[in-house]
Amino acid sequence: KSIGGKGNVAILQSPPGAQAGIEREKGFRNAMSKLYPNIKIVGAQNAAWNKDKAIEIMNSFLQVNKELDAVFAVNDNMAEGAMIAAEAAGRLAQIKIWGFNGQKSTLALIEQGKITGTAYTNAYNQGATAAKYALDLLTGAKKKGAKTDIITVPPFAATKDTVAQIKAEDRW
């Protein structure tokens, strides 16, 4: 939506075998092909969850793609690296940058208008949910060997319009 349903997008990937990154990229690609067939993925490279590596790769994307409309980074460190490179190249205003996680530094960059958004996940909620599940197992509220429930903690699209909804105490 942030690029009007059409344009050129690059992906900053996780290392091979990193399941969280693989699933995030897979979900992104599936959504783009179903919802936005006029969005073209022009490149995808492993930035190793690393801001400095993302700067290097983003610089390459910028050189090769004179018309780059957006970047999807499978974590916020890489989104921040993409932002640094785009800003240094004088192209930040033309490129929408999305991350994933919702770390405090990225939320601040969203508030400043330097990053378009992130899929915010409440790490405290995830930890509390896991601890409650473990406590239920230890106290017998959940029977050992019973079918394990799938527990989901849905992400929240943190953008300049919505980021203020994330309380200070929920920013990590």
N, C-alpha and C. Protein backbone atom coordinates (compact mmCIF):
# COMPACT_ATOMS: atom_id res chain seq x y z
N LYS A 1 0.82 -1.20 0.00
CA LYS A 1 0.00 0.00 0.00
C LYS A 1 0.85 1.26 0.00
N SER A 2 1.98 1.22 0.68
CA SER A 2 2.77 2.43 0.82
C SER A 2 3.39 2.91 -0.49
N ILE A 3 3.43 2.06 -1.53
CA ILE A 3 3.93 2.49 -2.84
C ILE A 3 2.83 2.43 -3.90
N GLY A 4 1.59 2.42 -3.46
CA GLY A 4 0.48 2.47 -4.40
C GLY A 4 0.22 1.20 -5.17
N GLY A 5 0.71 0.07 -4.67
CA GLY A 5 0.41 -1.22 -5.30
C GLY A 5 1.23 -1.54 -6.53
N LYS A 6 2.21 -0.70 -6.86
CA LYS A 6 3.06 -1.01 -8.01
C LYS A 6 4.44 -0.42 -7.78
N GLY A 7 5.43 -1.04 -8.41
CA GLY A 7 6.79 -0.53 -8.30
C GLY A 7 7.81 -1.62 -8.10
N ASN A 8 9.03 -1.19 -7.86
CA ASN A 8 10.17 -2.10 -7.70
C ASN A 8 10.57 -2.19 -6.23
N VAL A 9 10.72 -3.44 -5.77
CA VAL A 9 11.01 -3.69 -4.36
C VAL A 9 12.22 -4.63 -4.26
N ALA A 10 13.09 -4.35 -3.30
CA ALA A 10 14.22 -5.22 -2.99
C ALA A 10 13.99 -5.82 -1.61
N ILE A 11 14.57 -6.99 -1.39
CA ILE A 11 14.44 -7.68 -0.11
C ILE A 11 15.82 -7.87 0.51
N LEU A 12 15.94 -7.51 1.78
CA LEU A 12 17.12 -7.83 2.57
C LEU A 12 16.79 -9.08 3.36
N GLN A 13 17.47 -10.16 3.02
CA GLN A 13 17.16 -11.49 3.55
C GLN A 13 17.96 -11.83 4.79
N SER A 14 17.48 -12.87 5.47
CA SER A 14 18.21 -13.45 6.59
C SER A 14 19.20 -14.48 6.03
N PRO A 15 20.12 -14.97 6.87
CA PRO A 15 21.03 -16.02 6.40
C PRO A 15 20.25 -17.30 6.02
N PRO A 16 20.77 -18.08 5.10
CA PRO A 16 20.11 -19.35 4.75
C PRO A 16 19.93 -20.21 6.00
N GLY A 17 18.78 -20.81 6.10
CA GLY A 17 18.49 -21.68 7.23
C GLY A 17 17.89 -20.99 8.45
N ALA A 18 17.83 -19.67 8.45
CA ALA A 18 17.24 -18.93 9.57
C ALA A 18 15.72 -18.94 9.37
N GLN A 19 15.04 -19.83 10.04
CA GLN A 19 13.63 -20.09 9.78
C GLN A 19 12.74 -18.86 9.91
N ALA A 20 12.98 -18.03 10.91
CA ALA A 20 12.13 -16.84 11.07
C ALA A 20 12.23 -15.95 9.84
N GLY A 21 13.45 -15.72 9.37
CA GLY A 21 13.63 -14.89 8.19
C GLY A 21 13.06 -15.51 6.94
N ILE A 22 13.23 -16.81 6.80
CA ILE A 22 12.69 -17.52 5.64
C ILE A 22 11.17 -17.38 5.60
N GLU A 23 10.53 -17.57 6.75
CA GLU A 23 9.06 -17.48 6.81
C GLU A 23 8.58 -16.05 6.56
N ARG A 24 9.29 -15.07 7.07
CA ARG A 24 8.91 -13.67 6.84
C ARG A 24 8.99 -13.33 5.35
N GLU A 25 10.08 -13.74 4.73
CA GLU A 25 10.23 -13.47 3.29
C GLU A 25 9.17 -14.22 2.48
N LYS A 26 8.93 -15.45 2.84
CA LYS A 26 7.92 -16.25 2.14
C LYS A 26 6.55 -15.59 2.25
N GLY A 27 6.19 -15.13 3.44
CA GLY A 27 4.92 -14.45 3.64
C GLY A 27 4.84 -13.17 2.84
N PHE A 28 5.94 -12.42 2.80
CA PHE A 28 5.98 -11.18 2.02
C PHE A 28 5.78 -11.47 0.54
N ARG A 29 6.53 -12.43 0.02
CA ARG A 29 6.43 -12.76 -1.40
C ARG A 29 5.02 -13.25 -1.75
N ASN A 30 4.44 -14.09 -0.90
CA ASN A 30 3.08 -14.58 -1.15
C ASN A 30 2.07 -13.44 -1.18
N ALA A 31 2.18 -12.54 -0.21
CA ALA A 31 1.25 -11.40 -0.15
C ALA A 31 1.41 -10.51 -1.37
N MET A 32 2.64 -10.26 -1.78
CA MET A 32 2.86 -9.40 -2.95
C MET A 32 2.26 -10.03 -4.20
N SER A 33 2.49 -11.33 -4.38
CA SER A 33 1.98 -11.97 -5.61
C SER A 33 0.45 -12.02 -5.63
N LYS A 34 -0.16 -12.18 -4.48
CA LYS A 34 -1.63 -12.26 -4.42
C LYS A 34 -2.28 -10.88 -4.45
N LEU A 35 -1.77 -9.96 -3.66
CA LEU A 35 -2.42 -8.67 -3.48
C LEU A 35 -1.92 -7.58 -4.42
N TYR A 36 -0.67 -7.66 -4.83
CA TYR A 36 -0.06 -6.59 -5.61
C TYR A 36 0.74 -7.16 -6.78
N PRO A 37 0.07 -7.68 -7.79
CA PRO A 37 0.79 -8.28 -8.91
C PRO A 37 1.64 -7.29 -9.71
N ASN A 38 1.44 -6.00 -9.51
CA ASN A 38 2.24 -4.99 -10.22
C ASN A 38 3.48 -4.56 -9.45
N ILE A 39 3.76 -5.25 -8.36
CA ILE A 39 5.00 -5.01 -7.64
C ILE A 39 6.01 -6.06 -8.12
N LYS A 40 7.17 -5.56 -8.51
CA LYS A 40 8.23 -6.43 -9.02
C LYS A 40 9.35 -6.50 -7.99
N ILE A 41 9.73 -7.71 -7.62
CA ILE A 41 10.87 -7.88 -6.72
C ILE A 41 12.12 -7.90 -7.59
N VAL A 42 12.95 -6.86 -7.44
CA VAL A 42 14.09 -6.66 -8.32
C VAL A 42 15.40 -7.21 -7.76
N GLY A 43 15.37 -7.66 -6.53
CA GLY A 43 16.58 -8.21 -5.94
C GLY A 43 16.33 -8.70 -4.54
N ALA A 44 17.12 -9.68 -4.13
CA ALA A 44 17.03 -10.21 -2.76
C ALA A 44 18.43 -10.72 -2.40
N GLN A 45 18.95 -10.23 -1.28
CA GLN A 45 20.27 -10.67 -0.84
C GLN A 45 20.31 -10.81 0.67
N ASN A 46 21.15 -11.71 1.11
CA ASN A 46 21.35 -11.99 2.53
C ASN A 46 22.17 -10.87 3.17
N ALA A 47 21.56 -10.19 4.12
CA ALA A 47 22.27 -9.16 4.87
C ALA A 47 22.59 -9.63 6.29
N ALA A 48 22.40 -10.91 6.55
CA ALA A 48 22.89 -11.56 7.77
C ALA A 48 22.40 -10.93 9.07
N TRP A 49 21.18 -10.38 9.07
CA TRP A 49 20.59 -9.74 10.25
C TRP A 49 21.39 -8.51 10.68
N ASN A 50 22.31 -8.01 9.86
CA ASN A 50 23.32 -7.05 10.28
C ASN A 50 23.16 -5.69 9.60
N LYS A 51 23.20 -4.63 10.38
CA LYS A 51 23.02 -3.26 9.86
C LYS A 51 24.13 -2.88 8.88
N ASP A 52 25.39 -3.16 9.23
CA ASP A 52 26.50 -2.79 8.34
C ASP A 52 26.44 -3.56 7.02
N LYS A 53 26.11 -4.83 7.08
CA LYS A 53 25.97 -5.63 5.85
C LYS A 53 24.80 -5.10 5.02
N ALA A 54 23.73 -4.69 5.68
CA ALA A 54 22.57 -4.14 4.97
C ALA A 54 22.93 -2.83 4.27
N ILE A 55 23.76 -2.01 4.88
CA ILE A 55 24.22 -0.78 4.22
C ILE A 55 24.94 -1.13 2.93
N GLU A 56 25.85 -2.09 3.01
CA GLU A 56 26.62 -2.52 1.84
C GLU A 56 25.70 -3.04 0.72
N ILE A 57 24.76 -3.90 1.08
CA ILE A 57 23.86 -4.48 0.07
C ILE A 57 22.91 -3.42 -0.47
N MET A 58 22.41 -2.55 0.39
CA MET A 58 21.52 -1.49 -0.07
C MET A 58 22.23 -0.57 -1.05
N ASN A 59 23.50 -0.28 -0.79
CA ASN A 59 24.27 0.53 -1.73
C ASN A 59 24.31 -0.13 -3.11
N SER A 60 24.45 -1.44 -3.13
CA SER A 60 24.43 -2.18 -4.41
C SER A 60 23.06 -2.09 -5.06
N PHE A 61 22.00 -2.29 -4.27
CA PHE A 61 20.65 -2.18 -4.81
C PHE A 61 20.43 -0.79 -5.42
N LEU A 62 20.91 0.24 -4.75
CA LEU A 62 20.73 1.61 -5.22
C LEU A 62 21.48 1.87 -6.53
N GLN A 63 22.65 1.28 -6.67
CA GLN A 63 23.43 1.46 -7.89
C GLN A 63 22.79 0.75 -9.08
N VAL A 64 22.27 -0.43 -8.84
CA VAL A 64 21.70 -1.26 -9.91
C VAL A 64 20.28 -0.84 -10.28
N ASN A 65 19.54 -0.31 -9.33
CA ASN A 65 18.13 0.02 -9.53
C ASN A 65 17.92 1.52 -9.40
N LYS A 66 17.90 2.20 -10.51
CA LYS A 66 17.67 3.65 -10.50
C LYS A 66 16.24 3.96 -10.09
N GLU A 67 15.35 3.01 -10.27
CA GLU A 67 13.95 3.18 -9.85
C GLU A 67 13.63 2.11 -8.81
N LEU A 68 14.05 2.34 -7.59
CA LEU A 68 13.75 1.45 -6.48
C LEU A 68 12.73 2.17 -5.60
N ASP A 69 11.57 1.55 -5.43
CA ASP A 69 10.48 2.19 -4.71
C ASP A 69 10.40 1.79 -3.24
N ALA A 70 10.85 0.56 -2.93
CA ALA A 70 10.71 0.09 -1.55
C ALA A 70 11.71 -1.02 -1.26
N VAL A 71 11.91 -1.22 0.03
CA VAL A 71 12.76 -2.31 0.53
C VAL A 71 12.00 -2.98 1.66
N PHE A 72 12.01 -4.32 1.64
CA PHE A 72 11.50 -5.08 2.78
C PHE A 72 12.69 -5.79 3.40
N ALA A 73 12.96 -5.48 4.65
CA ALA A 73 14.03 -6.13 5.40
C ALA A 73 13.38 -7.07 6.41
N VAL A 74 13.89 -8.29 6.50
CA VAL A 74 13.25 -9.26 7.39
C VAL A 74 13.58 -9.04 8.86
N ASN A 75 14.38 -8.01 9.17
CA ASN A 75 14.48 -7.55 10.56
C ASN A 75 14.79 -6.06 10.57
N ASP A 76 14.64 -5.46 11.72
CA ASP A 76 14.78 -4.01 11.83
C ASP A 76 16.22 -3.53 11.70
N ASN A 77 17.20 -4.32 12.15
CA ASN A 77 18.59 -3.91 11.98
C ASN A 77 18.89 -3.67 10.50
N MET A 78 18.42 -4.58 9.66
CA MET A 78 18.66 -4.44 8.23
C MET A 78 17.86 -3.28 7.64
N ALA A 79 16.67 -3.04 8.14
CA ALA A 79 15.88 -1.89 7.68
C ALA A 79 16.62 -0.59 8.02
N GLU A 80 17.21 -0.53 9.21
CA GLU A 80 17.97 0.65 9.59
C GLU A 80 19.19 0.84 8.69
N GLY A 81 19.84 -0.27 8.32
CA GLY A 81 20.97 -0.19 7.39
C GLY A 81 20.53 0.33 6.03
N ALA A 82 19.39 -0.16 5.55
CA ALA A 82 18.85 0.31 4.26
C ALA A 82 18.55 1.80 4.33
N MET A 83 18.01 2.25 5.45
CA MET A 83 17.69 3.66 5.63
C MET A 83 18.96 4.52 5.59
N ILE A 84 20.00 4.07 6.27
CA ILE A 84 21.27 4.82 6.29
C ILE A 84 21.83 4.96 4.88
N ALA A 85 21.82 3.87 4.11
CA ALA A 85 22.35 3.91 2.74
C ALA A 85 21.49 4.80 1.84
N ALA A 86 20.18 4.67 1.94
CA ALA A 86 19.28 5.49 1.11
C ALA A 86 19.42 6.96 1.45
N GLU A 87 19.56 7.26 2.71
CA GLU A 87 19.73 8.66 3.14
C GLU A 87 21.06 9.21 2.62
N ALA A 88 22.12 8.44 2.73
CA ALA A 88 23.44 8.89 2.26
C ALA A 88 23.44 9.12 0.74
N ALA A 89 22.63 8.34 0.03
CA ALA A 89 22.54 8.47 -1.43
C ALA A 89 21.56 9.57 -1.85
N GLY A 90 20.91 10.21 -0.89
CA GLY A 90 19.94 11.26 -1.22
C GLY A 90 18.65 10.72 -1.80
N ARG A 91 18.33 9.46 -1.52
CA ARG A 91 17.14 8.83 -2.11
C ARG A 91 16.11 8.38 -1.08
N LEU A 92 16.32 8.75 0.17
CA LEU A 92 15.42 8.28 1.22
C LEU A 92 13.98 8.72 0.98
N ALA A 93 13.76 9.90 0.48
CA ALA A 93 12.40 10.40 0.26
C ALA A 93 11.65 9.59 -0.81
N GLN A 94 12.38 8.93 -1.70
CA GLN A 94 11.74 8.18 -2.77
C GLN A 94 11.54 6.70 -2.45
N ILE A 95 12.15 6.20 -1.38
CA ILE A 95 12.13 4.77 -1.09
C ILE A 95 11.44 4.49 0.24
N LYS A 96 10.43 3.65 0.20
CA LYS A 96 9.74 3.22 1.42
C LYS A 96 10.49 2.02 1.99
N ILE A 97 10.78 2.07 3.26
CA ILE A 97 11.55 1.00 3.91
C ILE A 97 10.72 0.39 5.03
N TRP A 98 10.62 -0.93 4.96
CA TRP A 98 9.87 -1.70 5.97
C TRP A 98 10.79 -2.70 6.64
N GLY A 99 10.62 -2.85 7.93
CA GLY A 99 11.37 -3.84 8.70
C GLY A 99 10.43 -4.83 9.35
N PHE A 100 10.99 -5.58 10.29
CA PHE A 100 10.20 -6.57 11.01
C PHE A 100 10.83 -6.77 12.37
N ASN A 101 10.08 -6.61 13.41
CA ASN A 101 10.40 -6.84 14.82
C ASN A 101 9.80 -5.74 15.69
N GLY A 102 10.14 -4.50 15.37
CA GLY A 102 9.62 -3.39 16.17
C GLY A 102 10.54 -2.98 17.28
N GLN A 103 11.85 -3.03 17.04
CA GLN A 103 12.76 -2.61 18.11
C GLN A 103 12.67 -1.10 18.31
N LYS A 104 13.00 -0.68 19.50
CA LYS A 104 12.83 0.72 19.93
C LYS A 104 13.48 1.72 18.98
N SER A 105 14.69 1.44 18.53
CA SER A 105 15.38 2.38 17.64
C SER A 105 14.65 2.53 16.31
N THR A 106 14.07 1.46 15.81
CA THR A 106 13.31 1.53 14.56
C THR A 106 12.01 2.29 14.75
N LEU A 107 11.36 2.09 15.87
CA LEU A 107 10.12 2.83 16.15
C LEU A 107 10.41 4.33 16.17
N ALA A 108 11.55 4.72 16.74
CA ALA A 108 11.92 6.14 16.76
C ALA A 108 12.15 6.65 15.34
N LEU A 109 12.77 5.84 14.47
CA LEU A 109 13.00 6.24 13.09
C LEU A 109 11.69 6.35 12.31
N ILE A 110 10.72 5.53 12.66
CA ILE A 110 9.39 5.64 12.05
C ILE A 110 8.77 6.97 12.47
N GLU A 111 8.87 7.30 13.75
CA GLU A 111 8.33 8.57 14.24
C GLU A 111 8.99 9.76 13.54
N GLN A 112 10.26 9.63 13.19
CA GLN A 112 10.99 10.70 12.50
C GLN A 112 10.70 10.72 11.00
N GLY A 113 9.98 9.72 10.50
CA GLY A 113 9.68 9.65 9.07
C GLY A 113 10.79 9.09 8.21
N LYS A 114 11.78 8.44 8.83
CA LYS A 114 12.91 7.91 8.06
C LYS A 114 12.71 6.46 7.64
N ILE A 115 11.89 5.73 8.37
CA ILE A 115 11.50 4.36 8.01
C ILE A 115 9.99 4.35 7.93
N THR A 116 9.47 3.68 6.92
CA THR A 116 8.02 3.69 6.66
C THR A 116 7.26 2.89 7.70
N GLY A 117 7.78 1.71 8.06
CA GLY A 117 7.06 0.90 9.03
C GLY A 117 7.80 -0.37 9.37
N THR A 118 7.24 -1.07 10.34
CA THR A 118 7.77 -2.37 10.76
C THR A 118 6.60 -3.22 11.25
N ALA A 119 6.78 -4.51 11.15
CA ALA A 119 5.82 -5.44 11.75
C ALA A 119 6.25 -5.58 13.20
N TYR A 120 5.61 -4.82 14.08
CA TYR A 120 5.97 -4.79 15.50
C TYR A 120 5.48 -6.07 16.17
N THR A 121 6.38 -6.71 16.86
CA THR A 121 6.00 -7.85 17.69
C THR A 121 6.39 -7.52 19.12
N ASN A 122 5.46 -7.71 20.02
CA ASN A 122 5.69 -7.37 21.41
C ASN A 122 6.51 -8.48 22.08
N ALA A 123 7.81 -8.26 22.19
CA ALA A 123 8.71 -9.26 22.76
C ALA A 123 8.35 -9.59 24.20
N TYR A 124 7.88 -8.59 24.95
CA TYR A 124 7.50 -8.85 26.34
C TYR A 124 6.28 -9.77 26.40
N ASN A 125 5.32 -9.54 25.52
CA ASN A 125 4.13 -10.39 25.45
C ASN A 125 4.52 -11.82 25.06
N GLN A 126 5.44 -11.94 24.11
CA GLN A 126 5.89 -13.27 23.69
C GLN A 126 6.54 -14.00 24.86
N GLY A 127 7.41 -13.31 25.59
CA GLY A 127 8.07 -13.92 26.74
C GLY A 127 7.09 -14.30 27.84
N ALA A 128 6.14 -13.42 28.10
CA ALA A 128 5.14 -13.70 29.14
C ALA A 128 4.26 -14.88 28.74
N THR A 129 3.92 -14.97 27.47
CA THR A 129 3.10 -16.07 26.99
C THR A 129 3.86 -17.39 27.12
N ALA A 130 5.14 -17.39 26.75
CA ALA A 130 5.96 -18.60 26.88
C ALA A 130 6.12 -19.01 28.35
N ALA A 131 6.33 -18.02 29.23
CA ALA A 131 6.48 -18.32 30.65
C ALA A 131 5.19 -18.89 31.23
N LYS A 132 4.05 -18.34 30.83
CA LYS A 132 2.77 -18.86 31.31
C LYS A 132 2.56 -20.30 30.85
N TYR A 133 2.91 -20.57 29.61
CA TYR A 133 2.77 -21.93 29.07
C TYR A 133 3.65 -22.90 29.85
N ALA A 134 4.91 -22.47 30.13
CA ALA A 134 5.82 -23.32 30.90
C ALA A 134 5.29 -23.54 32.31
N LEU A 135 4.76 -22.49 32.93
CA LEU A 135 4.19 -22.62 34.27
C LEU A 135 3.00 -23.58 34.27
N ASP A 136 2.17 -23.49 33.25
CA ASP A 136 1.04 -24.42 33.13
C ASP A 136 1.52 -25.86 33.04
N LEU A 137 2.61 -26.10 32.32
CA LEU A 137 3.17 -27.45 32.23
C LEU A 137 3.71 -27.91 33.58
N LEU A 138 4.38 -27.00 34.28
CA LEU A 138 4.98 -27.36 35.57
C LEU A 138 3.93 -27.60 36.65
N THR A 139 2.85 -26.86 36.63
CA THR A 139 1.82 -27.00 37.66
C THR A 139 0.77 -28.06 37.33
N GLY A 140 0.85 -28.60 36.14
CA GLY A 140 -0.12 -29.62 35.74
C GLY A 140 -1.36 -29.06 35.08
N ALA A 141 -1.45 -27.76 34.93
CA ALA A 141 -2.59 -27.17 34.23
C ALA A 141 -2.62 -27.65 32.78
N LYS A 142 -1.45 -27.93 32.24
CA LYS A 142 -1.32 -28.56 30.91
C LYS A 142 -0.67 -29.91 31.15
N LYS A 143 -1.21 -30.92 30.57
CA LYS A 143 -0.68 -32.27 30.74
C LYS A 143 0.52 -32.49 29.82
N LYS A 144 1.60 -33.05 30.38
CA LYS A 144 2.75 -33.39 29.55
C LYS A 144 2.32 -34.43 28.53
N GLY A 145 2.82 -34.26 27.33
CA GLY A 145 2.47 -35.19 26.26
C GLY A 145 1.19 -34.83 25.54
N ALA A 146 0.42 -33.89 26.10
CA ALA A 146 -0.81 -33.45 25.43
C ALA A 146 -0.44 -32.67 24.18
N LYS A 147 -1.37 -32.61 23.26
CA LYS A 147 -1.14 -31.87 22.02
C LYS A 147 -0.77 -30.43 22.37
N THR A 148 0.30 -29.97 21.77
CA THR A 148 0.76 -28.60 22.00
C THR A 148 -0.07 -27.64 21.16
N ASP A 149 -0.60 -26.65 21.83
CA ASP A 149 -1.36 -25.63 21.12
C ASP A 149 -0.41 -24.75 20.31
N ILE A 150 -0.93 -24.23 19.23
CA ILE A 150 -0.18 -23.22 18.49
C ILE A 150 -0.53 -21.88 19.10
N ILE A 151 0.49 -21.20 19.56
CA ILE A 151 0.29 -19.91 20.20
C ILE A 151 0.76 -18.84 19.23
N THR A 152 -0.10 -17.92 18.93
CA THR A 152 0.29 -16.83 18.03
C THR A 152 0.19 -15.50 18.75
N VAL A 153 1.16 -14.68 18.47
CA VAL A 153 1.15 -13.31 18.95
C VAL A 153 1.19 -12.46 17.68
N PRO A 154 0.05 -11.94 17.27
CA PRO A 154 -0.01 -11.28 15.96
C PRO A 154 0.83 -10.01 15.91
N PRO A 155 1.49 -9.78 14.76
CA PRO A 155 2.24 -8.53 14.60
C PRO A 155 1.30 -7.36 14.39
N PHE A 156 1.83 -6.19 14.60
CA PHE A 156 1.09 -4.94 14.46
C PHE A 156 1.86 -4.08 13.47
N ALA A 157 1.19 -3.53 12.47
CA ALA A 157 1.86 -2.68 11.48
C ALA A 157 2.11 -1.31 12.10
N ALA A 158 3.34 -1.10 12.53
CA ALA A 158 3.71 0.18 13.12
C ALA A 158 4.15 1.12 12.01
N THR A 159 3.39 2.18 11.82
CA THR A 159 3.69 3.21 10.83
C THR A 159 3.67 4.56 11.54
N LYS A 160 3.96 5.61 10.82
CA LYS A 160 3.93 6.94 11.42
C LYS A 160 2.55 7.24 12.03
N ASP A 161 1.49 6.70 11.42
CA ASP A 161 0.13 6.92 11.92
C ASP A 161 -0.23 6.06 13.12
N THR A 162 0.46 4.92 13.32
CA THR A 162 0.06 3.99 14.38
C THR A 162 1.10 3.78 15.48
N VAL A 163 2.34 4.21 15.26
CA VAL A 163 3.42 3.91 16.19
C VAL A 163 3.16 4.46 17.59
N ALA A 164 2.44 5.54 17.71
CA ALA A 164 2.15 6.13 19.02
C ALA A 164 1.29 5.20 19.89
N GLN A 165 0.64 4.23 19.26
CA GLN A 165 -0.19 3.27 20.03
C GLN A 165 0.66 2.30 20.84
N ILE A 166 1.96 2.20 20.52
CA ILE A 166 2.84 1.29 21.25
C ILE A 166 3.37 2.03 22.48
N LYS A 167 2.99 1.55 23.64
CA LYS A 167 3.36 2.20 24.89
C LYS A 167 4.87 2.16 25.11
N ALA A 168 5.37 3.15 25.80
CA ALA A 168 6.82 3.24 26.09
C ALA A 168 7.31 1.97 26.77
N GLU A 169 6.54 1.42 27.68
CA GLU A 169 6.97 0.22 28.41
C GLU A 169 6.95 -1.04 27.57
N ASP A 170 6.32 -0.98 26.39
CA ASP A 170 6.29 -2.13 25.47
C ASP A 170 7.32 -2.00 24.36
N ARG A 171 8.18 -0.99 24.44
CA ARG A 171 9.22 -0.79 23.43
C ARG A 171 10.51 -1.42 23.96
N TRP A 172 11.09 -2.24 23.15
CA TRP A 172 12.30 -2.95 23.56
C TRP A 172 13.44 -2.64 22.67
